[in-house]
Amino acid sequence: MKIAIPLANGALCMHFGHCEQFALVEADTENKKITSTEFVTPPAHEPGLLPRWLSEKGAKCIIAGGMGGRAVEIFNSHNIKVITGAQPDVPEKIVEAYLNNTLVTGQNTCDH
């Protein structure tokens, strides 16, 4: 499974649409292990573009601090699971917590 993490300064960006890059973390969900991490720079932000772009990159899940409701709908239409309310950390720690069912999430930090 490929999991997308929006980043700013190497850690989770609290709003995915404002990120500098994405970590695309490939994970073996059966063995709960990270197999690779790729860092990619997204195209300029336009409504609806990032979900399609990440889908084309093979993402099946995105973990973000915040995301607007319309973006969640678009991600879901591309069969990408959305998890919001994650706290800033490095992508590997976030994915490890997700794989081990210990990821702590709070409120979606986006209100649009």
PDB file of N, CA and C in Angstrom:
ATOM      1  N   MET A   1       0.844  -1.178   0.000  1.00  0.00           N
ATOM      2  CA  MET A   1       0.000   0.000   0.000  1.00  0.00           C
ATOM      3  C   MET A   1       0.883   1.233   0.000  1.00  0.00           C
ATOM      4  N   LYS A   2       0.523   2.198  -0.845  1.00  0.00           N
ATOM      5  CA  LYS A   2       1.266   3.453  -0.896  1.00  0.00           C
ATOM      6  C   LYS A   2       0.472   4.520  -0.147  1.00  0.00           C
ATOM      7  N   ILE A   3       1.145   5.157   0.824  1.00  0.00           N
ATOM      8  CA  ILE A   3       0.513   6.154   1.685  1.00  0.00           C
ATOM      9  C   ILE A   3       1.177   7.507   1.429  1.00  0.00           C
ATOM     10  N   ALA A   4       0.358   8.525   1.161  1.00  0.00           N
ATOM     11  CA  ALA A   4       0.862   9.877   0.905  1.00  0.00           C
ATOM     12  C   ALA A   4       0.819  10.705   2.183  1.00  0.00           C
ATOM     13  N   ILE A   5       1.919  11.396   2.437  1.00  0.00           N
ATOM     14  CA  ILE A   5       2.009  12.295   3.593  1.00  0.00           C
ATOM     15  C   ILE A   5       2.441  13.669   3.071  1.00  0.00           C
ATOM     16  N   PRO A   6       1.598  14.712   3.229  1.00  0.00           N
ATOM     17  CA  PRO A   6       1.999  16.058   2.805  1.00  0.00           C
ATOM     18  C   PRO A   6       3.026  16.627   3.783  1.00  0.00           C
ATOM     19  N   LEU A   7       4.096  17.212   3.238  1.00  0.00           N
ATOM     20  CA  LEU A   7       5.201  17.677   4.085  1.00  0.00           C
ATOM     21  C   LEU A   7       5.503  19.159   3.918  1.00  0.00           C
ATOM     22  N   ALA A   8       5.964  19.748   5.011  1.00  0.00           N
ATOM     23  CA  ALA A   8       6.565  21.084   5.025  1.00  0.00           C
ATOM     24  C   ALA A   8       7.738  20.985   5.993  1.00  0.00           C
ATOM     25  N   ASN A   9       8.904  21.392   5.559  1.00  0.00           N
ATOM     26  CA  ASN A   9      10.114  21.293   6.380  1.00  0.00           C
ATOM     27  C   ASN A   9      10.373  19.878   6.891  1.00  0.00           C
ATOM     28  N   GLY A  10      10.051  18.875   6.080  1.00  0.00           N
ATOM     29  CA  GLY A  10      10.344  17.483   6.407  1.00  0.00           C
ATOM     30  C   GLY A  10       9.372  16.793   7.338  1.00  0.00           C
ATOM     31  N   ALA A  11       8.341  17.506   7.803  1.00  0.00           N
ATOM     32  CA  ALA A  11       7.354  16.917   8.710  1.00  0.00           C
ATOM     33  C   ALA A  11       5.955  17.147   8.148  1.00  0.00           C
ATOM     34  N   LEU A  12       4.990  16.453   8.706  1.00  0.00           N
ATOM     35  CA  LEU A  12       3.609  16.569   8.263  1.00  0.00           C
ATOM     36  C   LEU A  12       3.173  18.024   8.208  1.00  0.00           C
ATOM     37  N   CYS A  13       2.660  18.436   7.065  1.00  0.00           N
ATOM     38  CA  CYS A  13       2.097  19.771   6.876  1.00  0.00           C
ATOM     39  C   CYS A  13       0.648  19.720   7.352  1.00  0.00           C
ATOM     40  N   MET A  14       0.242  20.667   8.125  1.00  0.00           N
ATOM     41  CA  MET A  14      -1.090  20.613   8.710  1.00  0.00           C
ATOM     42  C   MET A  14      -2.220  20.817   7.698  1.00  0.00           C
ATOM     43  N   HIS A  15      -1.939  21.338   6.522  1.00  0.00           N
ATOM     44  CA  HIS A  15      -2.954  21.448   5.471  1.00  0.00           C
ATOM     45  C   HIS A  15      -2.347  20.928   4.185  1.00  0.00           C
ATOM     46  N   PHE A  16      -2.890  19.840   3.668  1.00  0.00           N
ATOM     47  CA  PHE A  16      -2.259  19.161   2.542  1.00  0.00           C
ATOM     48  C   PHE A  16      -2.089  20.064   1.326  1.00  0.00           C
ATOM     49  N   GLY A  17      -2.990  21.015   1.100  1.00  0.00           N
ATOM     50  CA  GLY A  17      -2.919  21.876  -0.069  1.00  0.00           C
ATOM     51  C   GLY A  17      -1.801  22.899  -0.023  1.00  0.00           C
ATOM     52  N   HIS A  18      -1.167  23.056   1.136  1.00  0.00           N
ATOM     53  CA  HIS A  18      -0.087  24.030   1.291  1.00  0.00           C
ATOM     54  C   HIS A  18       1.272  23.363   1.437  1.00  0.00           C
ATOM     55  N   CYS A  19       1.360  22.092   1.144  1.00  0.00           N
ATOM     56  CA  CYS A  19       2.610  21.372   1.382  1.00  0.00           C
ATOM     57  C   CYS A  19       3.665  21.688   0.331  1.00  0.00           C
ATOM     58  N   GLU A  20       4.928  21.449   0.712  1.00  0.00           N
ATOM     59  CA  GLU A  20       6.068  21.657  -0.176  1.00  0.00           C
ATOM     60  C   GLU A  20       6.344  20.409  -1.008  1.00  0.00           C
ATOM     61  N   GLN A  21       6.107  19.260  -0.409  1.00  0.00           N
ATOM     62  CA  GLN A  21       6.308  17.994  -1.101  1.00  0.00           C
ATOM     63  C   GLN A  21       5.472  16.913  -0.413  1.00  0.00           C
ATOM     64  N   PHE A  22       5.426  15.765  -1.046  1.00  0.00           N
ATOM     65  CA  PHE A  22       4.750  14.609  -0.476  1.00  0.00           C
ATOM     66  C   PHE A  22       5.762  13.497  -0.272  1.00  0.00           C
ATOM     67  N   ALA A  23       5.631  12.796   0.833  1.00  0.00           N
ATOM     68  CA  ALA A  23       6.335  11.537   1.013  1.00  0.00           C
ATOM     69  C   ALA A  23       5.349  10.461   0.553  1.00  0.00           C
ATOM     70  N   LEU A  24       5.786   9.620  -0.367  1.00  0.00           N
ATOM     71  CA  LEU A  24       4.991   8.469  -0.784  1.00  0.00           C
ATOM     72  C   LEU A  24       5.658   7.259  -0.156  1.00  0.00           C
ATOM     73  N   VAL A  25       5.009   6.746   0.887  1.00  0.00           N
ATOM     74  CA  VAL A  25       5.584   5.672   1.683  1.00  0.00           C
ATOM     75  C   VAL A  25       4.922   4.363   1.274  1.00  0.00           C
ATOM     76  N   GLU A  26       5.738   3.454   0.769  1.00  0.00           N
ATOM     77  CA  GLU A  26       5.260   2.125   0.386  1.00  0.00           C
ATOM     78  C   GLU A  26       5.346   1.252   1.627  1.00  0.00           C
ATOM     79  N   ALA A  27       4.232   0.604   1.956  1.00  0.00           N
ATOM     80  CA  ALA A  27       4.182  -0.200   3.169  1.00  0.00           C
ATOM     81  C   ALA A  27       3.624  -1.585   2.891  1.00  0.00           C
ATOM     82  N   ASP A  28       4.213  -2.565   3.541  1.00  0.00           N
ATOM     83  CA  ASP A  28       3.707  -3.933   3.533  1.00  0.00           C
ATOM     84  C   ASP A  28       2.753  -4.016   4.727  1.00  0.00           C
ATOM     85  N   THR A  29       1.458  -3.920   4.444  1.00  0.00           N
ATOM     86  CA  THR A  29       0.477  -3.860   5.539  1.00  0.00           C
ATOM     87  C   THR A  29       0.358  -5.183   6.291  1.00  0.00           C
ATOM     88  N   GLU A  30       0.632  -6.282   5.616  1.00  0.00           N
ATOM     89  CA  GLU A  30       0.547  -7.587   6.282  1.00  0.00           C
ATOM     90  C   GLU A  30       1.630  -7.731   7.349  1.00  0.00           C
ATOM     91  N   ASN A  31       2.861  -7.319   7.005  1.00  0.00           N
ATOM     92  CA  ASN A  31       3.982  -7.429   7.942  1.00  0.00           C
ATOM     93  C   ASN A  31       4.243  -6.139   8.710  1.00  0.00           C
ATOM     94  N   LYS A  32       3.435  -5.111   8.444  1.00  0.00           N
ATOM     95  CA  LYS A  32       3.535  -3.823   9.130  1.00  0.00           C
ATOM     96  C   LYS A  32       4.941  -3.233   9.038  1.00  0.00           C
ATOM     97  N   LYS A  33       5.447  -3.212   7.798  1.00  0.00           N
ATOM     98  CA  LYS A  33       6.795  -2.708   7.550  1.00  0.00           C
ATOM     99  C   LYS A  33       6.779  -1.700   6.408  1.00  0.00           C
ATOM    100  N   ILE A  34       7.607  -0.682   6.524  1.00  0.00           N
ATOM    101  CA  ILE A  34       7.815   0.274   5.437  1.00  0.00           C
ATOM    102  C   ILE A  34       8.857  -0.331   4.500  1.00  0.00           C
ATOM    103  N   THR A  35       8.550  -0.344   3.208  1.00  0.00           N
ATOM    104  CA  THR A  35       9.489  -0.920   2.246  1.00  0.00           C
ATOM    105  C   THR A  35      10.248   0.152   1.460  1.00  0.00           C
ATOM    106  N   SER A  36       9.679   1.343   1.320  1.00  0.00           N
ATOM    107  CA  SER A  36      10.388   2.434   0.647  1.00  0.00           C
ATOM    108  C   SER A  36       9.685   3.750   0.900  1.00  0.00           C
ATOM    109  N   THR A  37      10.434   4.830   0.722  1.00  0.00           N
ATOM    110  CA  THR A  37       9.883   6.186   0.820  1.00  0.00           C
ATOM    111  C   THR A  37      10.436   6.995  -0.348  1.00  0.00           C
ATOM    112  N   GLU A  38       9.516   7.655  -1.053  1.00  0.00           N
ATOM    113  CA  GLU A  38       9.890   8.519  -2.170  1.00  0.00           C
ATOM    114  C   GLU A  38       9.362   9.921  -1.869  1.00  0.00           C
ATOM    115  N   PHE A  39      10.163  10.935  -2.128  1.00  0.00           N
ATOM    116  CA  PHE A  39       9.750  12.312  -1.916  1.00  0.00           C
ATOM    117  C   PHE A  39       9.511  12.944  -3.279  1.00  0.00           C
ATOM    118  N   VAL A  40       8.310  13.513  -3.457  1.00  0.00           N
ATOM    119  CA  VAL A  40       7.950  14.102  -4.744  1.00  0.00           C
ATOM    120  C   VAL A  40       7.398  15.510  -4.529  1.00  0.00           C
ATOM    121  N   THR A  41       7.715  16.389  -5.470  1.00  0.00           N
ATOM    122  CA  THR A  41       7.217  17.760  -5.429  1.00  0.00           C
ATOM    123  C   THR A  41       5.921  17.817  -6.221  1.00  0.00           C
ATOM    124  N   PRO A  42       4.844  18.312  -5.601  1.00  0.00           N
ATOM    125  CA  PRO A  42       3.560  18.343  -6.303  1.00  0.00           C
ATOM    126  C   PRO A  42       3.500  19.459  -7.335  1.00  0.00           C
ATOM    127  N   PRO A  43       2.591  19.312  -8.291  1.00  0.00           N
ATOM    128  CA  PRO A  43       2.348  20.426  -9.214  1.00  0.00           C
ATOM    129  C   PRO A  43       1.695  21.572  -8.449  1.00  0.00           C
ATOM    130  N   ALA A  44       1.624  22.730  -9.072  1.00  0.00           N
ATOM    131  CA  ALA A  44       0.969  23.884  -8.440  1.00  0.00           C
ATOM    132  C   ALA A  44      -0.441  23.497  -8.003  1.00  0.00           C
ATOM    133  N   HIS A  45      -0.833  23.946  -6.823  1.00  0.00           N
ATOM    134  CA  HIS A  45      -2.131  23.576  -6.258  1.00  0.00           C
ATOM    135  C   HIS A  45      -3.275  24.195  -7.045  1.00  0.00           C
ATOM    136  N   GLU A  46      -4.153  23.348  -7.505  1.00  0.00           N
ATOM    137  CA  GLU A  46      -5.411  23.754  -8.127  1.00  0.00           C
ATOM    138  C   GLU A  46      -6.485  22.843  -7.561  1.00  0.00           C
ATOM    139  N   PRO A  47      -7.695  23.327  -7.361  1.00  0.00           N
ATOM    140  CA  PRO A  47      -8.747  22.477  -6.827  1.00  0.00           C
ATOM    141  C   PRO A  47      -8.912  21.195  -7.648  1.00  0.00           C
ATOM    142  N   GLY A  48      -8.859  20.058  -6.952  1.00  0.00           N
ATOM    143  CA  GLY A  48      -9.087  18.760  -7.584  1.00  0.00           C
ATOM    144  C   GLY A  48      -7.868  18.121  -8.226  1.00  0.00           C
ATOM    145  N   LEU A  49      -6.770  18.857  -8.358  1.00  0.00           N
ATOM    146  CA  LEU A  49      -5.595  18.329  -9.049  1.00  0.00           C
ATOM    147  C   LEU A  49      -4.815  17.316  -8.210  1.00  0.00           C
ATOM    148  N   LEU A  50      -4.563  17.617  -6.944  1.00  0.00           N
ATOM    149  CA  LEU A  50      -3.724  16.745  -6.126  1.00  0.00           C
ATOM    150  C   LEU A  50      -4.304  15.343  -5.933  1.00  0.00           C
ATOM    151  N   PRO A  51      -5.605  15.175  -5.714  1.00  0.00           N
ATOM    152  CA  PRO A  51      -6.126  13.803  -5.603  1.00  0.00           C
ATOM    153  C   PRO A  51      -5.864  12.974  -6.866  1.00  0.00           C
ATOM    154  N   ARG A  52      -6.081  13.559  -8.023  1.00  0.00           N
ATOM    155  CA  ARG A  52      -5.838  12.823  -9.270  1.00  0.00           C
ATOM    156  C   ARG A  52      -4.351  12.511  -9.422  1.00  0.00           C
ATOM    157  N   TRP A  53      -3.505  13.488  -9.159  1.00  0.00           N
ATOM    158  CA  TRP A  53      -2.061  13.325  -9.277  1.00  0.00           C
ATOM    159  C   TRP A  53      -1.554  12.227  -8.340  1.00  0.00           C
ATOM    160  N   LEU A  54      -2.016  12.246  -7.088  1.00  0.00           N
ATOM    161  CA  LEU A  54      -1.582  11.222  -6.130  1.00  0.00           C
ATOM    162  C   LEU A  54      -2.128   9.846  -6.511  1.00  0.00           C
ATOM    163  N   SER A  55      -3.332   9.801  -7.057  1.00  0.00           N
ATOM    164  CA  SER A  55      -3.882   8.534  -7.540  1.00  0.00           C
ATOM    165  C   SER A  55      -3.006   7.980  -8.656  1.00  0.00           C
ATOM    166  N   GLU A  56      -2.576   8.832  -9.570  1.00  0.00           N
ATOM    167  CA  GLU A  56      -1.696   8.409 -10.660  1.00  0.00           C
ATOM    168  C   GLU A  56      -0.349   7.918 -10.137  1.00  0.00           C
ATOM    169  N   LYS A  57       0.068   8.423  -8.978  1.00  0.00           N
ATOM    170  CA  LYS A  57       1.317   7.987  -8.345  1.00  0.00           C
ATOM    171  C   LYS A  57       1.131   6.682  -7.570  1.00  0.00           C
ATOM    172  N   GLY A  58      -0.124   6.199  -7.482  1.00  0.00           N
ATOM    173  CA  GLY A  58      -0.388   4.920  -6.814  1.00  0.00           C
ATOM    174  C   GLY A  58      -0.824   5.018  -5.371  1.00  0.00           C
ATOM    175  N   ALA A  59      -1.067   6.229  -4.859  1.00  0.00           N
ATOM    176  CA  ALA A  59      -1.486   6.373  -3.459  1.00  0.00           C
ATOM    177  C   ALA A  59      -2.850   5.746  -3.223  1.00  0.00           C
ATOM    178  N   LYS A  60      -2.973   5.034  -2.106  1.00  0.00           N
ATOM    179  CA  LYS A  60      -4.241   4.426  -1.698  1.00  0.00           C
ATOM    180  C   LYS A  60      -4.753   5.032  -0.399  1.00  0.00           C
ATOM    181  N   CYS A  61      -3.924   5.867   0.238  1.00  0.00           N
ATOM    182  CA  CYS A  61      -4.284   6.491   1.515  1.00  0.00           C
ATOM    183  C   CYS A  61      -3.513   7.795   1.614  1.00  0.00           C
ATOM    184  N   ILE A  62      -4.123   8.804   2.219  1.00  0.00           N
ATOM    185  CA  ILE A  62      -3.427  10.042   2.545  1.00  0.00           C
ATOM    186  C   ILE A  62      -3.686  10.349   4.014  1.00  0.00           C
ATOM    187  N   ILE A  63      -2.625  10.696   4.711  1.00  0.00           N
ATOM    188  CA  ILE A  63      -2.735  11.071   6.120  1.00  0.00           C
ATOM    189  C   ILE A  63      -2.337  12.532   6.213  1.00  0.00           C
ATOM    190  N   ALA A  64      -3.258  13.375   6.694  1.00  0.00           N
ATOM    191  CA  ALA A  64      -3.043  14.822   6.726  1.00  0.00           C
ATOM    192  C   ALA A  64      -3.468  15.392   8.071  1.00  0.00           C
ATOM    193  N   GLY A  65      -2.993  16.596   8.334  1.00  0.00           N
ATOM    194  CA  GLY A  65      -3.461  17.315   9.516  1.00  0.00           C
ATOM    195  C   GLY A  65      -4.848  17.870   9.266  1.00  0.00           C
ATOM    196  N   GLY A  66      -5.019  18.467   8.081  1.00  0.00           N
ATOM    197  CA  GLY A  66      -6.300  19.048   7.736  1.00  0.00           C
ATOM    198  C   GLY A  66      -6.560  19.004   6.254  1.00  0.00           C
ATOM    199  N   MET A  67      -7.844  18.955   5.926  1.00  0.00           N
ATOM    200  CA  MET A  67      -8.259  18.903   4.537  1.00  0.00           C
ATOM    201  C   MET A  67      -9.722  19.320   4.456  1.00  0.00           C
ATOM    202  N   GLY A  68     -10.041  20.141   3.463  1.00  0.00           N
ATOM    203  CA  GLY A  68     -11.415  20.569   3.261  1.00  0.00           C
ATOM    204  C   GLY A  68     -12.315  19.429   2.820  1.00  0.00           C
ATOM    205  N   GLY A  69     -13.602  19.584   3.075  1.00  0.00           N
ATOM    206  CA  GLY A  69     -14.578  18.548   2.754  1.00  0.00           C
ATOM    207  C   GLY A  69     -14.636  18.177   1.288  1.00  0.00           C
ATOM    208  N   ARG A  70     -14.517  19.149   0.419  1.00  0.00           N
ATOM    209  CA  ARG A  70     -14.554  18.860  -1.017  1.00  0.00           C
ATOM    210  C   ARG A  70     -13.346  18.026  -1.429  1.00  0.00           C
ATOM    211  N   ALA A  71     -12.175  18.338  -0.885  1.00  0.00           N
ATOM    212  CA  ALA A  71     -10.972  17.558  -1.184  1.00  0.00           C
ATOM    213  C   ALA A  71     -11.138  16.112  -0.717  1.00  0.00           C
ATOM    214  N   VAL A  72     -11.725  15.927   0.465  1.00  0.00           N
ATOM    215  CA  VAL A  72     -11.976  14.567   0.963  1.00  0.00           C
ATOM    216  C   VAL A  72     -12.850  13.808  -0.032  1.00  0.00           C
ATOM    217  N   GLU A  73     -13.902  14.451  -0.515  1.00  0.00           N
ATOM    218  CA  GLU A  73     -14.796  13.807  -1.494  1.00  0.00           C
ATOM    219  C   GLU A  73     -14.037  13.424  -2.763  1.00  0.00           C
ATOM    220  N   ILE A  74     -13.174  14.320  -3.237  1.00  0.00           N
ATOM    221  CA  ILE A  74     -12.429  14.036  -4.470  1.00  0.00           C
ATOM    222  C   ILE A  74     -11.444  12.885  -4.249  1.00  0.00           C
ATOM    223  N   PHE A  75     -10.756  12.881  -3.114  1.00  0.00           N
ATOM    224  CA  PHE A  75      -9.869  11.760  -2.810  1.00  0.00           C
ATOM    225  C   PHE A  75     -10.653  10.455  -2.779  1.00  0.00           C
ATOM    226  N   ASN A  76     -11.806  10.471  -2.115  1.00  0.00           N
ATOM    227  CA  ASN A  76     -12.630   9.263  -2.037  1.00  0.00           C
ATOM    228  C   ASN A  76     -13.072   8.804  -3.426  1.00  0.00           C
ATOM    229  N   SER A  77     -13.358   9.742  -4.327  1.00  0.00           N
ATOM    230  CA  SER A  77     -13.778   9.365  -5.683  1.00  0.00           C
ATOM    231  C   SER A  77     -12.639   8.713  -6.461  1.00  0.00           C
ATOM    232  N   HIS A  78     -11.405   8.927  -6.012  1.00  0.00           N
ATOM    233  CA  HIS A  78     -10.232   8.282  -6.615  1.00  0.00           C
ATOM    234  C   HIS A  78      -9.809   7.047  -5.813  1.00  0.00           C
ATOM    235  N   ASN A  79     -10.695   6.585  -4.928  1.00  0.00           N
ATOM    236  CA  ASN A  79     -10.434   5.407  -4.092  1.00  0.00           C
ATOM    237  C   ASN A  79      -9.200   5.568  -3.213  1.00  0.00           C
ATOM    238  N   ILE A  80      -9.025   6.773  -2.687  1.00  0.00           N
ATOM    239  CA  ILE A  80      -7.945   7.048  -1.746  1.00  0.00           C
ATOM    240  C   ILE A  80      -8.571   7.319  -0.379  1.00  0.00           C
ATOM    241  N   LYS A  81      -8.190   6.508   0.594  1.00  0.00           N
ATOM    242  CA  LYS A  81      -8.677   6.667   1.967  1.00  0.00           C
ATOM    243  C   LYS A  81      -8.063   7.932   2.564  1.00  0.00           C
ATOM    244  N   VAL A  82      -8.861   8.720   3.264  1.00  0.00           N
ATOM    245  CA  VAL A  82      -8.408   9.976   3.862  1.00  0.00           C
ATOM    246  C   VAL A  82      -8.445   9.872   5.383  1.00  0.00           C
ATOM    247  N   ILE A  83      -7.317  10.212   5.994  1.00  0.00           N
ATOM    248  CA  ILE A  83      -7.232  10.292   7.451  1.00  0.00           C
ATOM    249  C   ILE A  83      -6.778  11.705   7.777  1.00  0.00           C
ATOM    250  N   THR A  84      -7.567  12.427   8.560  1.00  0.00           N
ATOM    251  CA  THR A  84      -7.203  13.791   8.952  1.00  0.00           C
ATOM    252  C   THR A  84      -7.020  13.859  10.461  1.00  0.00           C
ATOM    253  N   GLY A  85      -6.441  14.967  10.901  1.00  0.00           N
ATOM    254  CA  GLY A  85      -6.242  15.187  12.331  1.00  0.00           C
ATOM    255  C   GLY A  85      -4.938  14.626  12.856  1.00  0.00           C
ATOM    256  N   ALA A  86      -4.055  14.161  11.950  1.00  0.00           N
ATOM    257  CA  ALA A  86      -2.747  13.665  12.381  1.00  0.00           C
ATOM    258  C   ALA A  86      -1.905  14.833  12.881  1.00  0.00           C
ATOM    259  N   GLN A  87      -0.973  14.520  13.747  1.00  0.00           N
ATOM    260  CA  GLN A  87      -0.098  15.545  14.319  1.00  0.00           C
ATOM    261  C   GLN A  87       1.241  15.565  13.591  1.00  0.00           C
ATOM    262  N   PRO A  88       1.931  16.722  13.562  1.00  0.00           N
ATOM    263  CA  PRO A  88       3.205  16.818  12.849  1.00  0.00           C
ATOM    264  C   PRO A  88       4.234  15.816  13.364  1.00  0.00           C
ATOM    265  N   ASP A  89       4.859  15.135  12.432  1.00  0.00           N
ATOM    266  CA  ASP A  89       5.947  14.206  12.717  1.00  0.00           C
ATOM    267  C   ASP A  89       6.569  13.851  11.382  1.00  0.00           C
ATOM    268  N   VAL A  90       7.635  13.084  11.399  1.00  0.00           N
ATOM    269  CA  VAL A  90       8.248  12.635  10.152  1.00  0.00           C
ATOM    270  C   VAL A  90       7.376  11.542   9.537  1.00  0.00           C
ATOM    271  N   PRO A  91       7.389  11.418   8.214  1.00  0.00           N
ATOM    272  CA  PRO A  91       6.456  10.504   7.550  1.00  0.00           C
ATOM    273  C   PRO A  91       6.568   9.050   7.999  1.00  0.00           C
ATOM    274  N   GLU A  92       7.781   8.564   8.217  1.00  0.00           N
ATOM    275  CA  GLU A  92       7.938   7.165   8.603  1.00  0.00           C
ATOM    276  C   GLU A  92       7.286   6.871   9.956  1.00  0.00           C
ATOM    277  N   LYS A  93       7.405   7.783  10.901  1.00  0.00           N
ATOM    278  CA  LYS A  93       6.768   7.570  12.217  1.00  0.00           C
ATOM    279  C   LYS A  93       5.247   7.585  12.094  1.00  0.00           C
ATOM    280  N   ILE A  94       4.720   8.460  11.246  1.00  0.00           N
ATOM    281  CA  ILE A  94       3.273   8.519  11.037  1.00  0.00           C
ATOM    282  C   ILE A  94       2.777   7.210  10.434  1.00  0.00           C
ATOM    283  N   VAL A  95       3.471   6.724   9.416  1.00  0.00           N
ATOM    284  CA  VAL A  95       3.047   5.486   8.759  1.00  0.00           C
ATOM    285  C   VAL A  95       3.209   4.291   9.689  1.00  0.00           C
ATOM    286  N   GLU A  96       4.293   4.235  10.454  1.00  0.00           N
ATOM    287  CA  GLU A  96       4.461   3.145  11.417  1.00  0.00           C
ATOM    288  C   GLU A  96       3.306   3.128  12.415  1.00  0.00           C
ATOM    289  N   ALA A  97       2.925   4.299  12.916  1.00  0.00           N
ATOM    290  CA  ALA A  97       1.798   4.370  13.850  1.00  0.00           C
ATOM    291  C   ALA A  97       0.509   3.908  13.170  1.00  0.00           C
ATOM    292  N   TYR A  98       0.301   4.318  11.918  1.00  0.00           N
ATOM    293  CA  TYR A  98      -0.886   3.890  11.173  1.00  0.00           C
ATOM    294  C   TYR A  98      -0.903   2.368  11.021  1.00  0.00           C
ATOM    295  N   LEU A  99       0.222   1.797  10.625  1.00  0.00           N
ATOM    296  CA  LEU A  99       0.286   0.347  10.422  1.00  0.00           C
ATOM    297  C   LEU A  99       0.046  -0.430  11.710  1.00  0.00           C
ATOM    298  N   ASN A 100       0.442   0.156  12.840  1.00  0.00           N
ATOM    299  CA  ASN A 100       0.292  -0.515  14.136  1.00  0.00           C
ATOM    300  C   ASN A 100      -0.968  -0.093  14.885  1.00  0.00           C
ATOM    301  N   ASN A 101      -1.865   0.608  14.178  1.00  0.00           N
ATOM    302  CA  ASN A 101      -3.135   1.072  14.776  1.00  0.00           C
ATOM    303  C   ASN A 101      -2.928   1.925  16.019  1.00  0.00           C
ATOM    304  N   THR A 102      -1.840   2.713  16.031  1.00  0.00           N
ATOM    305  CA  THR A 102      -1.580   3.591  17.169  1.00  0.00           C
ATOM    306  C   THR A 102      -1.536   5.065  16.756  1.00  0.00           C
ATOM    307  N   LEU A 103      -1.931   5.349  15.516  1.00  0.00           N
ATOM    308  CA  LEU A 103      -1.921   6.737  15.049  1.00  0.00           C
ATOM    309  C   LEU A 103      -2.966   7.536  15.808  1.00  0.00           C
ATOM    310  N   VAL A 104      -2.529   8.590  16.459  1.00  0.00           N
ATOM    311  CA  VAL A 104      -3.439   9.450  17.207  1.00  0.00           C
ATOM    312  C   VAL A 104      -3.876  10.586  16.287  1.00  0.00           C
ATOM    313  N   THR A 105      -5.184  10.727  16.146  1.00  0.00           N
ATOM    314  CA  THR A 105      -5.723  11.810  15.337  1.00  0.00           C
ATOM    315  C   THR A 105      -6.645  12.667  16.193  1.00  0.00           C
ATOM    316  N   GLY A 106      -6.695  13.929  15.843  1.00  0.00           N
ATOM    317  CA  GLY A 106      -7.578  14.862  16.531  1.00  0.00           C
ATOM    318  C   GLY A 106      -8.518  15.463  15.519  1.00  0.00           C
ATOM    319  N   GLN A 107      -8.831  16.720  15.726  1.00  0.00           N
ATOM    320  CA  GLN A 107      -9.717  17.431  14.822  1.00  0.00           C
ATOM    321  C   GLN A 107      -9.050  17.694  13.498  1.00  0.00           C
ATOM    322  N   ASN A 108      -9.853  17.679  12.449  1.00  0.00           N
ATOM    323  CA  ASN A 108      -9.402  18.105  11.131  1.00  0.00           C
ATOM    324  C   ASN A 108      -9.031  19.583  11.277  1.00  0.00           C
ATOM    325  N   THR A 109      -7.787  19.937  10.946  1.00  0.00           N
ATOM    326  CA  THR A 109      -7.331  21.315  11.164  1.00  0.00           C
ATOM    327  C   THR A 109      -7.766  22.273  10.051  1.00  0.00           C
ATOM    328  N   CYS A 110      -8.552  21.792   9.123  1.00  0.00           N
ATOM    329  CA  CYS A 110      -9.042  22.645   8.028  1.00  0.00           C
ATOM    330  C   CYS A 110     -10.537  22.878   8.217  1.00  0.00           C
ATOM    331  N   ASP A 111     -10.979  24.108   8.008  1.00  0.00           N
ATOM    332  CA  ASP A 111     -12.395  24.401   8.245  1.00  0.00           C
ATOM    333  C   ASP A 111     -13.142  24.802   6.966  1.00  0.00           C
ATOM    334  N   HIS A 112     -12.605  24.440   5.795  1.00  0.00           N
ATOM    335  CA  HIS A 112     -13.349  24.755   4.567  1.00  0.00           C
ATOM    336  C   HIS A 112     -13.573  23.511   3.752  1.00  0.00           C
TER     337      HIS A 112
END
